[in-house]
Amino acid sequence: MLTVHHLNNSRSQRVLWMLEELGLEYEIKHYQRDPKTMLAPASLKAVHPLGKSPVVTDGELTVAESGAIIDYLAHQYGRDLLPEAGTQRWIDYTYWLHYAEGSLMPPLLLKLVFEKVKTNPMPFFVRPVAKGIADKTNQIFIGPQIRNHLDFVESHLKNNEWFLGDRLSAADIQMSFPLEASVARGIVGDDRPAIRDYVRRYQSRPAYRRALEKGGDYDFA
């Protein structure tokens, strides 16, 4: 039996979507973030040493990391979500699968971290310095990086219904989290209609809606 070790408000929501698209039977073991630190509970370390989600167990196998999980499930159970090997679409699939966490997600995460730096408790005389550093870093590095990546994705989605063209693939499921988070946080606005339409398109899929119902509260949806 497949088991998803599912942390609330996390990347593991897209694993549930993947499983629903595949029509597989699975069970969910729920974990809740610490309300103060927003970190995963220590109990996740019993599943994987890093104590992070998502993690999937499939019989005796344990698979961690979103991209590895999505790729494993596609190869093991859902080749309809994969392009033909050795083709340009296969290369594109591999690219988007790794791009989601390797290129797009890091600047988005940096933005979140530096925003928290400005709002976290600190001595009053330190706050102006911390705010100045955070704002400057966002202005000269993080902001331009995010704009560059989102312009790139917007341009691609203007000409493609899905990331590999006219059919949903496992690459779409992997790309969903950073784009959904960007829309939810207002990073993607009305100036990028292709991304917004894309997010609405996959959020309307029955499999996605079922995954939301089973996964529980999800702030990015």
Protein backbone atom coordinates (compact mmCIF):
# COMPACT_ATOMS: atom_id res chain seq x y z
CA MET A 1 0.00 0.00 0.00
CA LEU A 2 1.24 3.48 -0.87
CA THR A 3 1.43 5.84 2.10
CA VAL A 4 1.91 9.59 1.80
CA HIS A 5 3.47 11.22 4.84
CA HIS A 6 1.65 14.49 4.37
CA LEU A 7 2.53 17.77 6.08
CA ASN A 8 -0.13 20.46 6.06
CA ASN A 9 0.45 23.44 3.73
CA SER A 10 3.37 21.80 1.98
CA ARG A 11 4.71 20.41 -1.26
CA SER A 12 3.19 17.04 -0.42
CA GLN A 13 -0.21 18.32 -1.61
CA ARG A 14 0.93 17.89 -5.21
CA VAL A 15 1.83 14.26 -4.46
CA LEU A 16 -1.79 13.68 -3.45
CA TRP A 17 -2.89 15.31 -6.71
CA MET A 18 -0.55 13.00 -8.64
CA LEU A 19 -2.02 9.94 -6.93
CA GLU A 20 -5.56 11.09 -7.65
CA GLU A 21 -4.72 11.64 -11.33
CA LEU A 22 -3.37 8.10 -11.43
CA GLY A 23 -6.43 6.68 -9.68
CA LEU A 24 -4.30 4.78 -7.17
CA GLU A 25 -5.33 3.57 -3.75
CA TYR A 26 -3.25 5.12 -0.97
CA GLU A 27 -3.39 6.16 2.64
CA ILE A 28 -2.37 9.45 4.21
CA LYS A 29 -0.50 9.90 7.44
CA HIS A 30 -1.05 13.49 8.51
CA TYR A 31 1.52 15.70 10.22
CA GLN A 32 0.99 19.26 11.48
CA ARG A 33 3.48 22.10 11.47
CA ASP A 34 4.53 23.68 14.76
CA PRO A 35 2.30 26.80 14.98
CA LYS A 36 5.22 28.96 16.18
CA THR A 37 8.14 27.77 14.06
CA MET A 38 6.07 26.43 11.12
CA LEU A 39 8.52 23.51 10.99
CA ALA A 40 7.59 19.87 10.54
CA PRO A 41 7.26 17.73 13.70
CA ALA A 42 10.17 15.58 14.83
CA SER A 43 8.06 12.46 14.24
CA LEU A 44 8.76 12.74 10.52
CA LYS A 45 12.38 11.81 11.23
CA ALA A 46 11.17 8.29 11.91
CA VAL A 47 10.26 8.10 8.22
CA HIS A 48 13.25 9.95 6.75
CA PRO A 49 16.34 11.32 8.56
CA LEU A 50 15.78 14.91 7.38
CA GLY A 51 12.33 14.95 8.95
CA LYS A 52 10.73 16.73 6.02
CA SER A 53 7.73 16.18 3.78
CA PRO A 54 6.84 14.84 1.29
CA VAL A 55 7.87 11.27 1.80
CA VAL A 56 6.11 8.27 0.24
CA THR A 57 6.45 4.69 1.32
CA ASP A 58 5.52 1.98 -1.16
CA GLY A 59 5.84 -1.39 0.50
CA GLU A 60 9.49 -1.65 1.55
CA LEU A 61 10.52 1.39 -0.52
CA THR A 62 10.88 4.91 0.84
CA VAL A 63 10.98 7.81 -1.61
CA ALA A 64 11.70 11.41 -0.55
CA GLU A 65 11.94 14.73 -2.45
CA SER A 66 9.00 15.95 -4.51
CA GLY A 67 10.64 15.52 -7.91
CA ALA A 68 11.88 12.03 -7.11
CA ILE A 69 8.43 11.02 -5.85
CA ILE A 70 6.61 12.42 -8.88
CA ASP A 71 9.08 10.74 -11.24
CA TYR A 72 8.88 7.42 -9.36
CA LEU A 73 5.07 7.37 -9.41
CA ALA A 74 4.99 8.27 -13.11
CA HIS A 75 7.39 5.50 -14.08
CA GLN A 76 5.91 2.91 -11.73
CA TYR A 77 2.20 3.57 -12.14
CA GLY A 78 1.40 6.27 -14.67
CA ARG A 79 3.29 6.24 -17.93
CA ASP A 80 0.42 8.16 -19.54
CA LEU A 81 1.83 11.16 -17.67
CA LEU A 82 5.24 10.67 -19.28
CA PRO A 83 6.38 11.50 -22.81
CA GLU A 84 8.12 9.00 -25.03
CA ALA A 85 11.76 8.46 -23.99
CA GLY A 86 14.43 9.89 -26.24
CA THR A 87 12.25 12.66 -27.65
CA GLN A 88 12.41 16.44 -27.23
CA ARG A 89 9.29 16.22 -25.07
CA TRP A 90 11.18 13.80 -22.80
CA ILE A 91 14.01 16.31 -22.46
CA ASP A 92 11.47 19.07 -21.78
CA TYR A 93 9.78 16.90 -19.16
CA THR A 94 13.10 16.34 -17.38
CA TYR A 95 13.86 20.04 -17.56
CA TRP A 96 10.60 21.24 -15.99
CA LEU A 97 10.72 18.46 -13.39
CA HIS A 98 14.05 19.81 -12.10
CA TYR A 99 13.45 23.48 -12.86
CA ALA A 100 10.58 23.71 -10.36
CA GLU A 101 12.74 23.18 -7.27
CA GLY A 102 16.19 23.81 -8.73
CA SER A 103 15.61 27.23 -10.30
CA LEU A 104 12.16 28.67 -9.62
CA MET A 105 11.66 27.81 -5.96
CA PRO A 106 14.96 29.14 -4.45
CA PRO A 107 14.33 32.87 -5.09
CA LEU A 108 10.71 32.49 -3.97
CA LEU A 109 11.91 30.92 -0.73
CA LEU A 110 14.52 33.66 -0.28
CA LYS A 111 11.80 36.28 -0.64
CA LEU A 112 9.75 34.59 2.06
CA VAL A 113 12.76 34.34 4.40
CA PHE A 114 13.74 37.99 4.01
CA GLU A 115 10.15 39.13 4.51
CA LYS A 116 10.12 37.21 7.80
CA VAL A 117 13.40 38.88 8.79
CA LYS A 118 11.61 42.24 8.65
CA THR A 119 8.67 41.11 10.78
CA ASN A 120 10.30 38.83 13.38
CA PRO A 121 10.76 40.18 16.92
CA MET A 122 14.08 41.98 17.45
CA PRO A 123 15.49 44.94 19.44
CA PHE A 124 14.03 48.20 18.13
CA PHE A 125 17.45 49.61 17.26
CA VAL A 126 18.23 46.62 15.05
CA ARG A 127 14.96 46.68 13.09
CA PRO A 128 15.87 49.55 10.70
CA VAL A 129 19.15 47.82 9.82
CA ALA A 130 17.47 44.45 9.26
CA LYS A 131 14.72 46.04 7.18
CA GLY A 132 17.25 47.94 5.10
CA ILE A 133 19.29 44.81 4.36
CA ALA A 134 16.16 42.80 3.49
CA ASP A 135 14.76 45.52 1.22
CA LYS A 136 18.08 46.05 -0.55
CA THR A 137 18.60 42.32 -1.09
CA ASN A 138 15.13 42.02 -2.53
CA GLN A 139 15.65 45.04 -4.76
CA ILE A 140 18.99 44.13 -6.28
CA PHE A 141 18.90 40.32 -6.31
CA ILE A 142 15.75 38.44 -5.26
CA GLY A 143 13.20 40.60 -7.06
CA PRO A 144 14.98 40.60 -10.43
CA GLN A 145 15.54 36.83 -10.21
CA ILE A 146 11.85 36.19 -9.56
CA ARG A 147 10.75 38.51 -12.36
CA ASN A 148 13.14 36.84 -14.78
CA HIS A 149 11.85 33.35 -13.96
CA LEU A 150 8.18 34.32 -14.00
CA ASP A 151 8.58 36.14 -17.32
CA PHE A 152 10.13 32.96 -18.71
CA VAL A 153 7.28 30.76 -17.45
CA GLU A 154 4.65 33.26 -18.60
CA SER A 155 6.12 33.29 -22.09
CA HIS A 156 6.05 29.49 -22.24
CA LEU A 157 2.47 29.17 -21.00
CA LYS A 158 1.21 31.77 -23.46
CA ASN A 159 1.85 29.21 -26.19
CA ASN A 160 1.16 25.97 -24.31
CA GLU A 161 -1.88 24.70 -22.43
CA TRP A 162 0.39 22.49 -20.31
CA PHE A 163 4.15 22.49 -19.86
CA LEU A 164 4.65 19.82 -22.50
CA GLY A 165 2.03 21.20 -24.86
CA ASP A 166 -1.55 19.97 -25.12
CA ARG A 167 -1.48 17.18 -22.51
CA LEU A 168 -1.09 17.15 -18.75
CA SER A 169 2.13 15.47 -17.64
CA ALA A 170 3.94 14.73 -14.40
CA ALA A 171 5.97 17.90 -15.04
CA ASP A 172 2.81 19.98 -14.53
CA ILE A 173 2.23 18.41 -11.15
CA GLN A 174 5.79 19.20 -10.10
CA MET A 175 5.53 22.80 -11.35
CA SER A 176 2.23 23.42 -9.58
CA PHE A 177 3.55 24.29 -6.13
CA PRO A 178 5.79 27.29 -6.89
CA LEU A 179 3.26 28.79 -9.30
CA GLU A 180 0.35 28.26 -6.93
CA ALA A 181 2.33 29.83 -4.10
CA SER A 182 3.26 32.79 -6.31
CA VAL A 183 -0.36 33.45 -7.21
CA ALA A 184 -1.56 33.04 -3.61
CA ARG A 185 1.06 35.47 -2.27
CA GLY A 186 0.40 38.09 -4.91
CA ILE A 187 3.79 37.65 -6.57
CA VAL A 188 1.99 36.74 -9.79
CA GLY A 189 -0.54 39.45 -10.61
CA ASP A 190 -2.83 40.36 -13.48
CA ASP A 191 0.22 41.21 -15.58
CA ARG A 192 0.90 37.49 -15.99
CA PRO A 193 -2.48 36.13 -17.16
CA ALA A 194 -1.07 32.92 -18.66
CA ILE A 195 0.24 31.74 -15.29
CA ARG A 196 -2.98 32.68 -13.53
CA ASP A 197 -5.07 30.88 -16.16
CA TYR A 198 -2.82 27.84 -15.90
CA VAL A 199 -3.22 27.64 -12.11
CA ARG A 200 -6.99 28.02 -12.39
CA ARG A 201 -7.04 25.34 -15.08
CA TYR A 202 -5.39 22.64 -13.00
CA GLN A 203 -7.17 23.67 -9.80
CA SER A 204 -10.46 22.93 -11.55
CA ARG A 205 -9.49 19.34 -12.35
CA PRO A 206 -11.56 16.75 -10.44
CA ALA A 207 -8.42 14.91 -9.31
CA TYR A 208 -6.99 18.11 -7.87
CA ARG A 209 -10.22 18.85 -6.00
CA ARG A 210 -10.29 15.32 -4.56
CA ALA A 211 -6.70 15.70 -3.38
CA LEU A 212 -7.64 18.91 -1.57
CA GLU A 213 -10.51 17.20 0.20
CA LYS A 214 -8.28 14.36 1.36
CA GLY A 215 -5.25 16.49 2.24
CA GLY A 216 -7.08 19.01 4.41
CA ASP A 217 -6.46 22.73 4.84
CA TYR A 218 -4.10 24.15 2.26
CA ASP A 219 -3.25 27.85 2.36
CA PHE A 220 -2.00 28.06 -1.24
CA ALA A 221 -5.21 26.78 -2.83
